[in-house]
């Protein structure tokens, strides 16, 4: 498995080309729910590949049409989780089958949220998921 860190500086494109031999990915899944990420995800899909949006945003997702059309890409929206799925995933996280440690890049305490929140909104900080610990 490969991990690509999206810092917001464009360096991820070079990492992706190196990993895929320049071919990009056959399937890209964007589960961020961030309209900027969802718009940029088209840049990482291989010719005749598929982009799947799992995350939902209320913002506008936009991109130049050739990014979708030229590589003959398929764009899919997916929102297929049922209540039982969440219980199963929680159980798999609790028993260690799913390791969420790589996803949680930033942590703070409730009393530090106001001071630290702004950094959680900047991709250049390397944020993937920020967790507020409430005790």
C-alpha atoms as a PDB file:
ATOM      1  CA  UNK A   1       0.000   0.000   0.000  1.00  0.00           C
ATOM      2  CA  UNK A   2       1.047   3.562  -0.650  1.00  0.00           C
ATOM      3  CA  UNK A   3       0.239   6.730   1.218  1.00  0.00           C
ATOM      4  CA  UNK A   4       0.174  10.108  -0.476  1.00  0.00           C
ATOM      5  CA  UNK A   5       0.109  13.153   1.773  1.00  0.00           C
ATOM      6  CA  UNK A   6      -1.911  16.007   0.294  1.00  0.00           C
ATOM      7  CA  UNK A   7      -0.224  19.134   1.627  1.00  0.00           C
ATOM      8  CA  UNK A   8      -2.071  21.579  -0.608  1.00  0.00           C
ATOM      9  CA  UNK A   9       1.118  22.546  -2.454  1.00  0.00           C
ATOM     10  CA  UNK A  10       0.664  20.341  -5.542  1.00  0.00           C
ATOM     11  CA  UNK A  11       3.417  17.873  -4.584  1.00  0.00           C
ATOM     12  CA  UNK A  12       0.942  14.983  -4.482  1.00  0.00           C
ATOM     13  CA  UNK A  13       0.818  14.849  -8.297  1.00  0.00           C
ATOM     14  CA  UNK A  14       4.492  13.895  -8.504  1.00  0.00           C
ATOM     15  CA  UNK A  15       4.055  11.236  -5.795  1.00  0.00           C
ATOM     16  CA  UNK A  16       1.055   9.752  -7.614  1.00  0.00           C
ATOM     17  CA  UNK A  17       2.866   9.648 -10.965  1.00  0.00           C
ATOM     18  CA  UNK A  18       5.816   7.890  -9.308  1.00  0.00           C
ATOM     19  CA  UNK A  19       3.630   5.291  -7.578  1.00  0.00           C
ATOM     20  CA  UNK A  20       1.504   4.562 -10.659  1.00  0.00           C
ATOM     21  CA  UNK A  21       4.230   4.805 -13.279  1.00  0.00           C
ATOM     22  CA  UNK A  22       2.505   7.897 -14.661  1.00  0.00           C
ATOM     23  CA  UNK A  23      -0.832   6.157 -15.208  1.00  0.00           C
ATOM     24  CA  UNK A  24      -2.713   7.610 -12.220  1.00  0.00           C
ATOM     25  CA  UNK A  25      -5.365   5.538 -10.405  1.00  0.00           C
ATOM     26  CA  UNK A  26      -8.066   3.354 -11.959  1.00  0.00           C
ATOM     27  CA  UNK A  27     -10.414   4.159  -9.063  1.00  0.00           C
ATOM     28  CA  UNK A  28     -10.264   7.260  -6.893  1.00  0.00           C
ATOM     29  CA  UNK A  29     -12.595   7.570  -3.912  1.00  0.00           C
ATOM     30  CA  UNK A  30     -13.063  10.979  -2.338  1.00  0.00           C
ATOM     31  CA  UNK A  31     -14.727  10.747   1.052  1.00  0.00           C
ATOM     32  CA  UNK A  32     -13.690  14.176   2.315  1.00  0.00           C
ATOM     33  CA  UNK A  33     -16.915  16.083   1.786  1.00  0.00           C
ATOM     34  CA  UNK A  34     -14.704  19.077   0.931  1.00  0.00           C
ATOM     35  CA  UNK A  35     -15.617  20.744  -2.345  1.00  0.00           C
ATOM     36  CA  UNK A  36     -12.006  21.705  -3.111  1.00  0.00           C
ATOM     37  CA  UNK A  37     -10.795  18.142  -2.671  1.00  0.00           C
ATOM     38  CA  UNK A  38     -13.710  16.789  -4.669  1.00  0.00           C
ATOM     39  CA  UNK A  39     -12.964  19.203  -7.524  1.00  0.00           C
ATOM     40  CA  UNK A  40      -9.268  18.277  -7.564  1.00  0.00           C
ATOM     41  CA  UNK A  41      -9.853  14.519  -7.394  1.00  0.00           C
ATOM     42  CA  UNK A  42     -10.354  14.361 -11.171  1.00  0.00           C
ATOM     43  CA  UNK A  43      -6.633  15.073 -11.558  1.00  0.00           C
ATOM     44  CA  UNK A  44      -5.730  11.679 -10.093  1.00  0.00           C
ATOM     45  CA  UNK A  45      -7.948   9.375 -12.184  1.00  0.00           C
ATOM     46  CA  UNK A  46      -6.460   7.226 -14.971  1.00  0.00           C
ATOM     47  CA  UNK A  47      -7.795   7.071 -18.520  1.00  0.00           C
ATOM     48  CA  UNK A  48     -11.205   5.303 -18.444  1.00  0.00           C
ATOM     49  CA  UNK A  49     -10.989   5.306 -14.636  1.00  0.00           C
ATOM     50  CA  UNK A  50     -13.709   5.978 -12.086  1.00  0.00           C
ATOM     51  CA  UNK A  51     -14.076   8.734  -9.523  1.00  0.00           C
ATOM     52  CA  UNK A  52     -16.422   7.946  -6.631  1.00  0.00           C
ATOM     53  CA  UNK A  53     -17.732  10.717  -4.398  1.00  0.00           C
ATOM     54  CA  UNK A  54     -18.677   9.352  -0.986  1.00  0.00           C
ATOM     55  CA  UNK A  55     -18.430  12.543   1.041  1.00  0.00           C
ATOM     56  CA  UNK A  56     -21.178  15.134   0.738  1.00  0.00           C
ATOM     57  CA  UNK A  57     -20.671  18.885   0.537  1.00  0.00           C
ATOM     58  CA  UNK A  58     -23.151  21.729   0.437  1.00  0.00           C
ATOM     59  CA  UNK A  59     -20.594  23.743  -1.536  1.00  0.00           C
ATOM     60  CA  UNK A  60     -20.275  23.807  -5.300  1.00  0.00           C
ATOM     61  CA  UNK A  61     -17.997  21.215  -6.898  1.00  0.00           C
ATOM     62  CA  UNK A  62     -16.532  22.520 -10.135  1.00  0.00           C
ATOM     63  CA  UNK A  63     -13.833  21.518 -12.595  1.00  0.00           C
ATOM     64  CA  UNK A  64     -12.899  22.132 -16.214  1.00  0.00           C
ATOM     65  CA  UNK A  65     -15.017  19.805 -18.348  1.00  0.00           C
ATOM     66  CA  UNK A  66     -12.037  18.309 -20.270  1.00  0.00           C
ATOM     67  CA  UNK A  67     -10.719  16.808 -17.002  1.00  0.00           C
ATOM     68  CA  UNK A  68     -13.779  14.548 -16.977  1.00  0.00           C
ATOM     69  CA  UNK A  69     -14.412  14.094 -20.689  1.00  0.00           C
ATOM     70  CA  UNK A  70     -10.926  13.670 -22.202  1.00  0.00           C
ATOM     71  CA  UNK A  71      -9.943  10.614 -20.117  1.00  0.00           C
ATOM     72  CA  UNK A  72     -13.429   9.106 -20.615  1.00  0.00           C
ATOM     73  CA  UNK A  73     -13.855   9.018 -16.876  1.00  0.00           C
ATOM     74  CA  UNK A  74     -16.853   7.669 -14.974  1.00  0.00           C
ATOM     75  CA  UNK A  75     -18.131   9.817 -12.108  1.00  0.00           C
ATOM     76  CA  UNK A  76     -20.240   8.115  -9.435  1.00  0.00           C
ATOM     77  CA  UNK A  77     -21.983   9.366  -6.339  1.00  0.00           C
ATOM     78  CA  UNK A  78     -22.236   6.887  -3.478  1.00  0.00           C
ATOM     79  CA  UNK A  79     -24.185   7.177  -0.279  1.00  0.00           C
ATOM     80  CA  UNK A  80     -25.137   3.648   0.510  1.00  0.00           C
ATOM     81  CA  UNK A  81     -24.506   3.144   4.220  1.00  0.00           C
ATOM     82  CA  UNK A  82     -27.267   1.694   6.365  1.00  0.00           C
ATOM     83  CA  UNK A  83     -27.504   2.079  10.165  1.00  0.00           C
ATOM     84  CA  UNK A  84     -26.157  -1.448  10.656  1.00  0.00           C
ATOM     85  CA  UNK A  85     -23.059  -0.573   8.643  1.00  0.00           C
ATOM     86  CA  UNK A  86     -22.071   2.049  11.193  1.00  0.00           C
ATOM     87  CA  UNK A  87     -22.364  -0.423  14.076  1.00  0.00           C
ATOM     88  CA  UNK A  88     -20.185  -2.896  12.151  1.00  0.00           C
ATOM     89  CA  UNK A  89     -17.521  -0.283  11.361  1.00  0.00           C
ATOM     90  CA  UNK A  90     -17.445   0.913  14.972  1.00  0.00           C
ATOM     91  CA  UNK A  91     -16.968  -2.700  16.101  1.00  0.00           C
ATOM     92  CA  UNK A  92     -14.108  -3.185  13.586  1.00  0.00           C
ATOM     93  CA  UNK A  93     -12.414  -0.019  14.829  1.00  0.00           C
ATOM     94  CA  UNK A  94     -12.844  -1.067  18.455  1.00  0.00           C
ATOM     95  CA  UNK A  95     -11.387  -4.545  17.881  1.00  0.00           C
ATOM     96  CA  UNK A  96      -8.423  -3.139  15.932  1.00  0.00           C
ATOM     97  CA  UNK A  97      -9.336  -4.602  12.536  1.00  0.00           C
ATOM     98  CA  UNK A  98      -9.515  -1.060  11.161  1.00  0.00           C
ATOM     99  CA  UNK A  99      -6.619   1.116  12.296  1.00  0.00           C
ATOM    100  CA  UNK A 100      -7.665   4.766  12.295  1.00  0.00           C
ATOM    101  CA  UNK A 101      -4.321   6.060  13.600  1.00  0.00           C
ATOM    102  CA  UNK A 102      -3.035   7.151  10.150  1.00  0.00           C
ATOM    103  CA  UNK A 103      -6.216   9.170   9.573  1.00  0.00           C
ATOM    104  CA  UNK A 104      -6.001  11.210  12.770  1.00  0.00           C
ATOM    105  CA  UNK A 105      -3.228  13.697  12.102  1.00  0.00           C
ATOM    106  CA  UNK A 106      -4.160  16.365  14.642  1.00  0.00           C
ATOM    107  CA  UNK A 107      -5.548  16.266  18.171  1.00  0.00           C
ATOM    108  CA  UNK A 108      -6.549  18.988  20.574  1.00  0.00           C
ATOM    109  CA  UNK A 109      -8.458  19.365  23.806  1.00  0.00           C
ATOM    110  CA  UNK A 110     -11.795  21.121  24.153  1.00  0.00           C
ATOM    111  CA  UNK A 111     -10.244  24.124  25.889  1.00  0.00           C
ATOM    112  CA  UNK A 112      -7.744  24.586  22.976  1.00  0.00           C
ATOM    113  CA  UNK A 113     -10.246  24.390  20.074  1.00  0.00           C
ATOM    114  CA  UNK A 114     -10.594  28.147  19.559  1.00  0.00           C
ATOM    115  CA  UNK A 115      -6.830  28.683  19.547  1.00  0.00           C
ATOM    116  CA  UNK A 116      -6.043  25.725  17.266  1.00  0.00           C
ATOM    117  CA  UNK A 117      -9.079  25.406  14.995  1.00  0.00           C
ATOM    118  CA  UNK A 118      -7.733  27.600  12.184  1.00  0.00           C
ATOM    119  CA  UNK A 119      -4.793  25.238  11.544  1.00  0.00           C
ATOM    120  CA  UNK A 120      -7.248  22.372  10.987  1.00  0.00           C
ATOM    121  CA  UNK A 121      -8.679  24.214   7.975  1.00  0.00           C
ATOM    122  CA  UNK A 122      -5.330  24.555   6.161  1.00  0.00           C
ATOM    123  CA  UNK A 123      -4.216  21.603   3.983  1.00  0.00           C
ATOM    124  CA  UNK A 124      -0.580  22.710   4.203  1.00  0.00           C
ATOM    125  CA  UNK A 125      -0.583  21.635   7.872  1.00  0.00           C
ATOM    126  CA  UNK A 126      -1.052  18.039   6.684  1.00  0.00           C
ATOM    127  CA  UNK A 127      -4.434  17.713   8.364  1.00  0.00           C
ATOM    128  CA  UNK A 128      -6.493  14.692   7.392  1.00  0.00           C
ATOM    129  CA  UNK A 129      -8.707  14.355  10.452  1.00  0.00           C
ATOM    130  CA  UNK A 130      -8.599  16.496  13.578  1.00  0.00           C
ATOM    131  CA  UNK A 131     -10.012  15.110  16.802  1.00  0.00           C
ATOM    132  CA  UNK A 132     -11.214  17.140  19.756  1.00  0.00           C
ATOM    133  CA  UNK A 133     -10.722  15.190  22.967  1.00  0.00           C
ATOM    134  CA  UNK A 134     -13.446  15.907  25.503  1.00  0.00           C
ATOM    135  CA  UNK A 135     -12.935  14.600  29.017  1.00  0.00           C
END
